[in-house]
Amino acid sequence: MSRGVVTFALLLSLALCFRPSAANRRFPYRKLLCCTKVSSSNMTSKVIGHTYRKQPLTSRCPEALIFATQAGTVCVDPAAEWAQRLAARMTRL
């Protein structure tokens, strides 16, 4: 093989290895740390603890109230009446 062919093959393989994926071009190392869906179903009986968090509306994340449950966290529509009543009795983090 000639030196030019080897150099070309090496450069081509490097270019293909370091090409960013289409899904994660800007911040491939960042994970989306917000709720992407909210529920309006009444989950009062599943909520544990005495605190909740409020997630503000952003371009990628809907507004939500986040409660703890035995299975993890649940993201709830802040307009749901049951969620408003529950949040009023809890401490906001």
PDB file of N, CA and C in Angstrom:
ATOM      1  N   MET A   1       0.833  -1.180   0.000  1.00  0.00           N
ATOM      2  CA  MET A   1       0.000   0.000   0.000  1.00  0.00           C
ATOM      3  C   MET A   1       0.874   1.239   0.000  1.00  0.00           C
ATOM      4  N   SER A   2       0.372   2.236  -0.644  1.00  0.00           N
ATOM      5  CA  SER A   2       1.150   3.475  -0.675  1.00  0.00           C
ATOM      6  C   SER A   2       0.878   4.295   0.591  1.00  0.00           C
ATOM      7  N   ARG A   3       1.788   5.154   0.873  1.00  0.00           N
ATOM      8  CA  ARG A   3       1.679   5.984   2.071  1.00  0.00           C
ATOM      9  C   ARG A   3       0.431   6.870   2.013  1.00  0.00           C
ATOM     10  N   GLY A   4       0.041   7.369   0.854  1.00  0.00           N
ATOM     11  CA  GLY A   4      -1.134   8.229   0.695  1.00  0.00           C
ATOM     12  C   GLY A   4      -2.426   7.492   1.012  1.00  0.00           C
ATOM     13  N   VAL A   5      -2.515   6.231   0.588  1.00  0.00           N
ATOM     14  CA  VAL A   5      -3.727   5.444   0.838  1.00  0.00           C
ATOM     15  C   VAL A   5      -3.871   5.166   2.338  1.00  0.00           C
ATOM     16  N   VAL A   6      -2.775   4.819   2.987  1.00  0.00           N
ATOM     17  CA  VAL A   6      -2.805   4.553   4.423  1.00  0.00           C
ATOM     18  C   VAL A   6      -3.192   5.821   5.189  1.00  0.00           C
ATOM     19  N   THR A   7      -2.620   6.932   4.822  1.00  0.00           N
ATOM     20  CA  THR A   7      -2.938   8.198   5.479  1.00  0.00           C
ATOM     21  C   THR A   7      -4.409   8.551   5.283  1.00  0.00           C
ATOM     22  N   PHE A   8      -4.911   8.395   4.083  1.00  0.00           N
ATOM     23  CA  PHE A   8      -6.317   8.678   3.795  1.00  0.00           C
ATOM     24  C   PHE A   8      -7.238   7.771   4.616  1.00  0.00           C
ATOM     25  N   ALA A   9      -6.935   6.492   4.683  1.00  0.00           N
ATOM     26  CA  ALA A   9      -7.754   5.547   5.441  1.00  0.00           C
ATOM     27  C   ALA A   9      -7.747   5.895   6.925  1.00  0.00           C
ATOM     28  N   LEU A  10      -6.602   6.283   7.444  1.00  0.00           N
ATOM     29  CA  LEU A  10      -6.501   6.663   8.849  1.00  0.00           C
ATOM     30  C   LEU A  10      -7.310   7.918   9.140  1.00  0.00           C
ATOM     31  N   LEU A  11      -7.203   8.917   8.308  1.00  0.00           N
ATOM     32  CA  LEU A  11      -7.954  10.156   8.501  1.00  0.00           C
ATOM     33  C   LEU A  11      -9.461   9.916   8.379  1.00  0.00           C
ATOM     34  N   LEU A  12      -9.856   9.089   7.444  1.00  0.00           N
ATOM     35  CA  LEU A  12     -11.271   8.776   7.273  1.00  0.00           C
ATOM     36  C   LEU A  12     -11.833   8.048   8.497  1.00  0.00           C
ATOM     37  N   SER A  13     -11.090   7.088   9.017  1.00  0.00           N
ATOM     38  CA  SER A  13     -11.562   6.355  10.202  1.00  0.00           C
ATOM     39  C   SER A  13     -11.645   7.266  11.423  1.00  0.00           C
ATOM     40  N   LEU A  14     -10.703   8.182  11.574  1.00  0.00           N
ATOM     41  CA  LEU A  14     -10.753   9.125  12.685  1.00  0.00           C
ATOM     42  C   LEU A  14     -11.955  10.058  12.560  1.00  0.00           C
ATOM     43  N   ALA A  15     -12.212  10.520  11.362  1.00  0.00           N
ATOM     44  CA  ALA A  15     -13.350  11.418  11.143  1.00  0.00           C
ATOM     45  C   ALA A  15     -14.662  10.719  11.469  1.00  0.00           C
ATOM     46  N   LEU A  16     -14.790   9.456  11.128  1.00  0.00           N
ATOM     47  CA  LEU A  16     -16.020   8.716  11.389  1.00  0.00           C
ATOM     48  C   LEU A  16     -16.175   8.387  12.871  1.00  0.00           C
ATOM     49  N   CYS A  17     -15.089   8.155  13.568  1.00  0.00           N
ATOM     50  CA  CYS A  17     -15.156   7.820  14.990  1.00  0.00           C
ATOM     51  C   CYS A  17     -15.554   9.010  15.851  1.00  0.00           C
ATOM     52  N   PHE A  18     -15.133  10.201  15.498  1.00  0.00           N
ATOM     53  CA  PHE A  18     -15.377  11.377  16.321  1.00  0.00           C
ATOM     54  C   PHE A  18     -16.540  12.228  15.852  1.00  0.00           C
ATOM     55  N   ARG A  19     -17.350  11.701  14.957  1.00  0.00           N
ATOM     56  CA  ARG A  19     -18.523  12.419  14.481  1.00  0.00           C
ATOM     57  C   ARG A  19     -19.612  12.333  15.558  1.00  0.00           C
ATOM     58  N   PRO A  20     -20.194  13.464  15.980  1.00  0.00           N
ATOM     59  CA  PRO A  20     -21.242  13.411  17.001  1.00  0.00           C
ATOM     60  C   PRO A  20     -22.515  12.801  16.445  1.00  0.00           C
ATOM     61  N   SER A  21     -23.272  12.159  17.331  1.00  0.00           N
ATOM     62  CA  SER A  21     -24.533  11.566  16.897  1.00  0.00           C
ATOM     63  C   SER A  21     -25.557  12.665  16.643  1.00  0.00           C
ATOM     64  N   ALA A  22     -26.535  12.372  15.835  1.00  0.00           N
ATOM     65  CA  ALA A  22     -27.556  13.360  15.482  1.00  0.00           C
ATOM     66  C   ALA A  22     -28.404  13.736  16.690  1.00  0.00           C
ATOM     67  N   ALA A  23     -28.644  12.818  17.590  1.00  0.00           N
ATOM     68  CA  ALA A  23     -29.518  13.077  18.737  1.00  0.00           C
ATOM     69  C   ALA A  23     -28.859  13.945  19.804  1.00  0.00           C
ATOM     70  N   ASN A  24     -27.548  13.893  19.946  1.00  0.00           N
ATOM     71  CA  ASN A  24     -26.867  14.585  21.043  1.00  0.00           C
ATOM     72  C   ASN A  24     -25.743  15.483  20.531  1.00  0.00           C
ATOM     73  N   ARG A  25     -26.016  16.377  19.656  1.00  0.00           N
ATOM     74  CA  ARG A  25     -24.957  17.215  19.107  1.00  0.00           C
ATOM     75  C   ARG A  25     -24.461  18.283  20.071  1.00  0.00           C
ATOM     76  N   ARG A  26     -25.372  18.973  20.754  1.00  0.00           N
ATOM     77  CA  ARG A  26     -24.936  20.081  21.610  1.00  0.00           C
ATOM     78  C   ARG A  26     -24.305  19.623  22.908  1.00  0.00           C
ATOM     79  N   PHE A  27     -24.983  18.768  23.659  1.00  0.00           N
ATOM     80  CA  PHE A  27     -24.505  18.341  24.965  1.00  0.00           C
ATOM     81  C   PHE A  27     -24.687  16.832  25.099  1.00  0.00           C
ATOM     82  N   PRO A  28     -23.837  16.030  24.495  1.00  0.00           N
ATOM     83  CA  PRO A  28     -24.029  14.583  24.523  1.00  0.00           C
ATOM     84  C   PRO A  28     -23.889  13.972  25.909  1.00  0.00           C
ATOM     85  N   TYR A  29     -23.229  14.680  26.825  1.00  0.00           N
ATOM     86  CA  TYR A  29     -22.995  14.141  28.161  1.00  0.00           C
ATOM     87  C   TYR A  29     -24.110  14.512  29.133  1.00  0.00           C
ATOM     88  N   ARG A  30     -25.013  15.389  28.727  1.00  0.00           N
ATOM     89  CA  ARG A  30     -26.089  15.828  29.618  1.00  0.00           C
ATOM     90  C   ARG A  30     -27.311  14.948  29.482  1.00  0.00           C
ATOM     91  N   LYS A  31     -27.884  14.644  30.606  1.00  0.00           N
ATOM     92  CA  LYS A  31     -29.120  13.879  30.659  1.00  0.00           C
ATOM     93  C   LYS A  31     -30.236  14.851  31.026  1.00  0.00           C
ATOM     94  N   LEU A  32     -31.389  14.683  30.422  1.00  0.00           N
ATOM     95  CA  LEU A  32     -32.508  15.566  30.732  1.00  0.00           C
ATOM     96  C   LEU A  32     -32.982  15.276  32.151  1.00  0.00           C
ATOM     97  N   LEU A  33     -32.864  16.269  33.046  1.00  0.00           N
ATOM     98  CA  LEU A  33     -33.173  16.074  34.454  1.00  0.00           C
ATOM     99  C   LEU A  33     -34.484  16.741  34.850  1.00  0.00           C
ATOM    100  N   CYS A  34     -35.512  16.514  34.047  1.00  0.00           N
ATOM    101  CA  CYS A  34     -36.809  17.071  34.379  1.00  0.00           C
ATOM    102  C   CYS A  34     -37.898  16.114  33.919  1.00  0.00           C
ATOM    103  N   CYS A  35     -39.107  16.366  34.389  1.00  0.00           N
ATOM    104  CA  CYS A  35     -40.249  15.573  33.936  1.00  0.00           C
ATOM    105  C   CYS A  35     -40.561  15.964  32.494  1.00  0.00           C
ATOM    106  N   THR A  36     -40.841  14.997  31.689  1.00  0.00           N
ATOM    107  CA  THR A  36     -41.228  15.299  30.310  1.00  0.00           C
ATOM    108  C   THR A  36     -42.719  15.081  30.098  1.00  0.00           C
ATOM    109  N   LYS A  37     -43.358  14.390  31.043  1.00  0.00           N
ATOM    110  CA  LYS A  37     -44.801  14.162  30.996  1.00  0.00           C
ATOM    111  C   LYS A  37     -45.367  14.365  32.388  1.00  0.00           C
ATOM    112  N   VAL A  38     -46.602  14.849  32.451  1.00  0.00           N
ATOM    113  CA  VAL A  38     -47.267  15.020  33.737  1.00  0.00           C
ATOM    114  C   VAL A  38     -48.574  14.243  33.753  1.00  0.00           C
ATOM    115  N   SER A  39     -48.988  13.865  34.945  1.00  0.00           N
ATOM    116  CA  SER A  39     -50.224  13.116  35.120  1.00  0.00           C
ATOM    117  C   SER A  39     -51.233  13.988  35.861  1.00  0.00           C
ATOM    118  N   SER A  40     -52.500  13.804  35.561  1.00  0.00           N
ATOM    119  CA  SER A  40     -53.536  14.497  36.316  1.00  0.00           C
ATOM    120  C   SER A  40     -54.338  13.514  37.168  1.00  0.00           C
ATOM    121  N   SER A  41     -53.985  12.230  37.097  1.00  0.00           N
ATOM    122  CA  SER A  41     -54.671  11.203  37.895  1.00  0.00           C
ATOM    123  C   SER A  41     -54.401  11.420  39.383  1.00  0.00           C
ATOM    124  N   ASN A  42     -55.409  11.189  40.199  1.00  0.00           N
ATOM    125  CA  ASN A  42     -55.280  11.381  41.639  1.00  0.00           C
ATOM    126  C   ASN A  42     -54.390  10.290  42.230  1.00  0.00           C
ATOM    127  N   MET A  43     -53.260  10.698  42.787  1.00  0.00           N
ATOM    128  CA  MET A  43     -52.296   9.772  43.370  1.00  0.00           C
ATOM    129  C   MET A  43     -52.037  10.091  44.831  1.00  0.00           C
ATOM    130  N   THR A  44     -52.997  10.740  45.469  1.00  0.00           N
ATOM    131  CA  THR A  44     -52.840  11.155  46.868  1.00  0.00           C
ATOM    132  C   THR A  44     -52.428   9.996  47.760  1.00  0.00           C
ATOM    133  N   SER A  45     -53.033   8.843  47.562  1.00  0.00           N
ATOM    134  CA  SER A  45     -52.745   7.704  48.432  1.00  0.00           C
ATOM    135  C   SER A  45     -51.339   7.139  48.218  1.00  0.00           C
ATOM    136  N   LYS A  46     -50.713   7.415  47.095  1.00  0.00           N
ATOM    137  CA  LYS A  46     -49.380   6.874  46.806  1.00  0.00           C
ATOM    138  C   LYS A  46     -48.248   7.804  47.242  1.00  0.00           C
ATOM    139  N   VAL A  47     -48.569   9.070  47.503  1.00  0.00           N
ATOM    140  CA  VAL A  47     -47.547  10.058  47.859  1.00  0.00           C
ATOM    141  C   VAL A  47     -47.062   9.815  49.278  1.00  0.00           C
ATOM    142  N   ILE A  48     -45.735   9.855  49.450  1.00  0.00           N
ATOM    143  CA  ILE A  48     -45.135   9.704  50.778  1.00  0.00           C
ATOM    144  C   ILE A  48     -44.306  10.946  51.089  1.00  0.00           C
ATOM    145  N   GLY A  49     -44.003  11.144  52.338  1.00  0.00           N
ATOM    146  CA  GLY A  49     -43.183  12.280  52.741  1.00  0.00           C
ATOM    147  C   GLY A  49     -44.006  13.541  52.941  1.00  0.00           C
ATOM    148  N   HIS A  50     -43.303  14.629  53.256  1.00  0.00           N
ATOM    149  CA  HIS A  50     -43.973  15.888  53.568  1.00  0.00           C
ATOM    150  C   HIS A  50     -43.456  17.033  52.704  1.00  0.00           C
ATOM    151  N   THR A  51     -42.761  16.691  51.635  1.00  0.00           N
ATOM    152  CA  THR A  51     -42.201  17.730  50.772  1.00  0.00           C
ATOM    153  C   THR A  51     -42.534  17.445  49.310  1.00  0.00           C
ATOM    154  N   TYR A  52     -42.449  18.505  48.512  1.00  0.00           N
ATOM    155  CA  TYR A  52     -42.618  18.380  47.063  1.00  0.00           C
ATOM    156  C   TYR A  52     -41.723  19.413  46.394  1.00  0.00           C
ATOM    157  N   ARG A  53     -41.516  19.240  45.108  1.00  0.00           N
ATOM    158  CA  ARG A  53     -40.747  20.212  44.318  1.00  0.00           C
ATOM    159  C   ARG A  53     -41.630  20.761  43.217  1.00  0.00           C
ATOM    160  N   LYS A  54     -41.360  21.980  42.807  1.00  0.00           N
ATOM    161  CA  LYS A  54     -42.078  22.576  41.690  1.00  0.00           C
ATOM    162  C   LYS A  54     -41.110  22.728  40.525  1.00  0.00           C
ATOM    163  N   GLN A  55     -41.490  22.161  39.391  1.00  0.00           N
ATOM    164  CA  GLN A  55     -40.668  22.266  38.187  1.00  0.00           C
ATOM    165  C   GLN A  55     -41.229  23.394  37.323  1.00  0.00           C
ATOM    166  N   PRO A  56     -40.416  24.408  37.029  1.00  0.00           N
ATOM    167  CA  PRO A  56     -40.915  25.508  36.202  1.00  0.00           C
ATOM    168  C   PRO A  56     -41.000  25.096  34.727  1.00  0.00           C
ATOM    169  N   LEU A  57     -41.807  25.800  33.990  1.00  0.00           N
ATOM    170  CA  LEU A  57     -41.961  25.563  32.562  1.00  0.00           C
ATOM    171  C   LEU A  57     -40.714  26.033  31.825  1.00  0.00           C
ATOM    172  N   THR A  58     -40.148  25.164  30.996  1.00  0.00           N
ATOM    173  CA  THR A  58     -39.020  25.533  30.139  1.00  0.00           C
ATOM    174  C   THR A  58     -39.339  25.063  28.724  1.00  0.00           C
ATOM    175  N   SER A  59     -38.431  25.281  27.820  1.00  0.00           N
ATOM    176  CA  SER A  59     -38.674  24.875  26.435  1.00  0.00           C
ATOM    177  C   SER A  59     -38.757  23.358  26.281  1.00  0.00           C
ATOM    178  N   ARG A  60     -38.122  22.610  27.174  1.00  0.00           N
ATOM    179  CA  ARG A  60     -38.121  21.150  27.068  1.00  0.00           C
ATOM    180  C   ARG A  60     -38.881  20.440  28.179  1.00  0.00           C
ATOM    181  N   CYS A  61     -39.283  21.174  29.215  1.00  0.00           N
ATOM    182  CA  CYS A  61     -39.910  20.551  30.378  1.00  0.00           C
ATOM    183  C   CYS A  61     -41.226  21.255  30.720  1.00  0.00           C
ATOM    184  N   PRO A  62     -42.307  20.509  30.896  1.00  0.00           N
ATOM    185  CA  PRO A  62     -43.572  21.142  31.274  1.00  0.00           C
ATOM    186  C   PRO A  62     -43.580  21.537  32.753  1.00  0.00           C
ATOM    187  N   GLU A  63     -44.460  22.458  33.101  1.00  0.00           N
ATOM    188  CA  GLU A  63     -44.616  22.827  34.504  1.00  0.00           C
ATOM    189  C   GLU A  63     -45.187  21.619  35.249  1.00  0.00           C
ATOM    190  N   ALA A  64     -44.664  21.340  36.439  1.00  0.00           N
ATOM    191  CA  ALA A  64     -45.101  20.155  37.174  1.00  0.00           C
ATOM    192  C   ALA A  64     -44.833  20.302  38.662  1.00  0.00           C
ATOM    193  N   LEU A  65     -45.628  19.563  39.435  1.00  0.00           N
ATOM    194  CA  LEU A  65     -45.353  19.357  40.851  1.00  0.00           C
ATOM    195  C   LEU A  65     -44.787  17.952  40.954  1.00  0.00           C
ATOM    196  N   ILE A  66     -43.701  17.790  41.701  1.00  0.00           N
ATOM    197  CA  ILE A  66     -43.037  16.498  41.794  1.00  0.00           C
ATOM    198  C   ILE A  66     -43.147  15.989  43.222  1.00  0.00           C
ATOM    199  N   PHE A  67     -43.820  14.856  43.359  1.00  0.00           N
ATOM    200  CA  PHE A  67     -44.030  14.228  44.662  1.00  0.00           C
ATOM    201  C   PHE A  67     -43.248  12.925  44.727  1.00  0.00           C
ATOM    202  N   ALA A  68     -42.893  12.520  45.948  1.00  0.00           N
ATOM    203  CA  ALA A  68     -42.221  11.237  46.160  1.00  0.00           C
ATOM    204  C   ALA A  68     -43.273  10.157  46.386  1.00  0.00           C
ATOM    205  N   THR A  69     -43.009   8.980  45.823  1.00  0.00           N
ATOM    206  CA  THR A  69     -43.849   7.808  46.065  1.00  0.00           C
ATOM    207  C   THR A  69     -42.927   6.651  46.418  1.00  0.00           C
ATOM    208  N   GLN A  70     -43.503   5.549  46.819  1.00  0.00           N
ATOM    209  CA  GLN A  70     -42.714   4.358  47.143  1.00  0.00           C
ATOM    210  C   GLN A  70     -41.912   3.895  45.929  1.00  0.00           C
ATOM    211  N   ALA A  71     -42.470   4.069  44.730  1.00  0.00           N
ATOM    212  CA  ALA A  71     -41.826   3.605  43.499  1.00  0.00           C
ATOM    213  C   ALA A  71     -40.846   4.617  42.913  1.00  0.00           C
ATOM    214  N   GLY A  72     -40.769   5.815  43.466  1.00  0.00           N
ATOM    215  CA  GLY A  72     -39.890   6.855  42.927  1.00  0.00           C
ATOM    216  C   GLY A  72     -40.601   8.193  42.967  1.00  0.00           C
ATOM    217  N   THR A  73     -40.430   8.991  41.931  1.00  0.00           N
ATOM    218  CA  THR A  73     -41.109  10.278  41.886  1.00  0.00           C
ATOM    219  C   THR A  73     -42.223  10.238  40.860  1.00  0.00           C
ATOM    220  N   VAL A  74     -43.196  11.106  41.070  1.00  0.00           N
ATOM    221  CA  VAL A  74     -44.307  11.232  40.136  1.00  0.00           C
ATOM    222  C   VAL A  74     -44.450  12.713  39.789  1.00  0.00           C
ATOM    223  N   CYS A  75     -44.638  12.983  38.518  1.00  0.00           N
ATOM    224  CA  CYS A  75     -44.778  14.345  38.028  1.00  0.00           C
ATOM    225  C   CYS A  75     -46.250  14.604  37.753  1.00  0.00           C
ATOM    226  N   VAL A  76     -46.776  15.661  38.352  1.00  0.00           N
ATOM    227  CA  VAL A  76     -48.205  15.908  38.342  1.00  0.00           C
ATOM    228  C   VAL A  76     -48.513  17.282  37.753  1.00  0.00           C
ATOM    229  N   ASP A  77     -49.624  17.372  37.068  1.00  0.00           N
ATOM    230  CA  ASP A  77     -50.105  18.634  36.526  1.00  0.00           C
ATOM    231  C   ASP A  77     -50.427  19.576  37.689  1.00  0.00           C
ATOM    232  N   PRO A  78     -49.804  20.748  37.766  1.00  0.00           N
ATOM    233  CA  PRO A  78     -50.050  21.652  38.895  1.00  0.00           C
ATOM    234  C   PRO A  78     -51.464  22.231  38.903  1.00  0.00           C
ATOM    235  N   ALA A  79     -52.205  22.090  37.819  1.00  0.00           N
ATOM    236  CA  ALA A  79     -53.582  22.579  37.769  1.00  0.00           C
ATOM    237  C   ALA A  79     -54.570  21.581  38.371  1.00  0.00           C
ATOM    238  N   ALA A  80     -54.126  20.354  38.624  1.00  0.00           N
ATOM    239  CA  ALA A  80     -55.009  19.342  39.206  1.00  0.00           C
ATOM    240  C   ALA A  80     -55.376  19.756  40.630  1.00  0.00           C
ATOM    241  N   GLU A  81     -56.673  19.776  40.934  1.00  0.00           N
ATOM    242  CA  GLU A  81     -57.129  20.229  42.251  1.00  0.00           C
ATOM    243  C   GLU A  81     -56.556  19.404  43.393  1.00  0.00           C
ATOM    244  N   TRP A  82     -56.519  18.085  43.227  1.00  0.00           N
ATOM    245  CA  TRP A  82     -56.006  17.229  44.299  1.00  0.00           C
ATOM    246  C   TRP A  82     -54.537  17.540  44.579  1.00  0.00           C
ATOM    247  N   ALA A  83     -53.777  17.869  43.536  1.00  0.00           N
ATOM    248  CA  ALA A  83     -52.352  18.181  43.705  1.00  0.00           C
ATOM    249  C   ALA A  83     -52.184  19.514  44.428  1.00  0.00           C
ATOM    250  N   GLN A  84     -53.041  20.472  44.118  1.00  0.00           N
ATOM    251  CA  GLN A  84     -52.983  21.768  44.804  1.00  0.00           C
ATOM    252  C   GLN A  84     -53.311  21.624  46.284  1.00  0.00           C
ATOM    253  N   ARG A  85     -54.332  20.824  46.602  1.00  0.00           N
ATOM    254  CA  ARG A  85     -54.698  20.598  48.010  1.00  0.00           C
ATOM    255  C   ARG A  85     -53.565  19.895  48.768  1.00  0.00           C
ATOM    256  N   LEU A  86     -52.977  18.897  48.127  1.00  0.00           N
ATOM    257  CA  LEU A  86     -51.877  18.154  48.756  1.00  0.00           C
ATOM    258  C   LEU A  86     -50.664  19.046  48.957  1.00  0.00           C
ATOM    259  N   ALA A  87     -50.319  19.831  47.953  1.00  0.00           N
ATOM    260  CA  ALA A  87     -49.153  20.732  48.042  1.00  0.00           C
ATOM    261  C   ALA A  87     -49.352  21.780  49.133  1.00  0.00           C
ATOM    262  N   ALA A  88     -50.570  22.211  49.346  1.00  0.00           N
ATOM    263  CA  ALA A  88     -50.852  23.224  50.378  1.00  0.00           C
ATOM    264  C   ALA A  88     -50.539  22.692  51.780  1.00  0.00           C
ATOM    265  N   ARG A  89     -50.617  21.374  51.956  1.00  0.00           N
ATOM    266  CA  ARG A  89     -50.325  20.770  53.266  1.00  0.00           C
ATOM    267  C   ARG A  89     -48.860  20.359  53.403  1.00  0.00           C
ATOM    268  N   MET A  90     -48.079  20.511  52.361  1.00  0.00           N
ATOM    269  CA  MET A  90     -46.688  20.052  52.370  1.00  0.00           C
ATOM    270  C   MET A  90     -45.724  21.225  52.321  1.00  0.00           C
ATOM    271  N   THR A  91     -44.436  20.934  52.474  1.00  0.00           N
ATOM    272  CA  THR A  91     -43.382  21.924  52.403  1.00  0.00           C
ATOM    273  C   THR A  91     -42.733  21.867  51.025  1.00  0.00           C
ATOM    274  N   ARG A  92     -42.591  23.032  50.410  1.00  0.00           N
ATOM    275  CA  ARG A  92     -41.965  23.095  49.092  1.00  0.00           C
ATOM    276  C   ARG A  92     -40.459  23.141  49.226  1.00  0.00           C
ATOM    277  N   LEU A  93     -39.776  22.326  48.438  1.00  0.00           N
ATOM    278  CA  LEU A  93     -38.302  22.327  48.438  1.00  0.00           C
ATOM    279  C   LEU A  93     -37.777  23.304  47.415  1.00  0.00           C
TER     280      LEU A  93
END
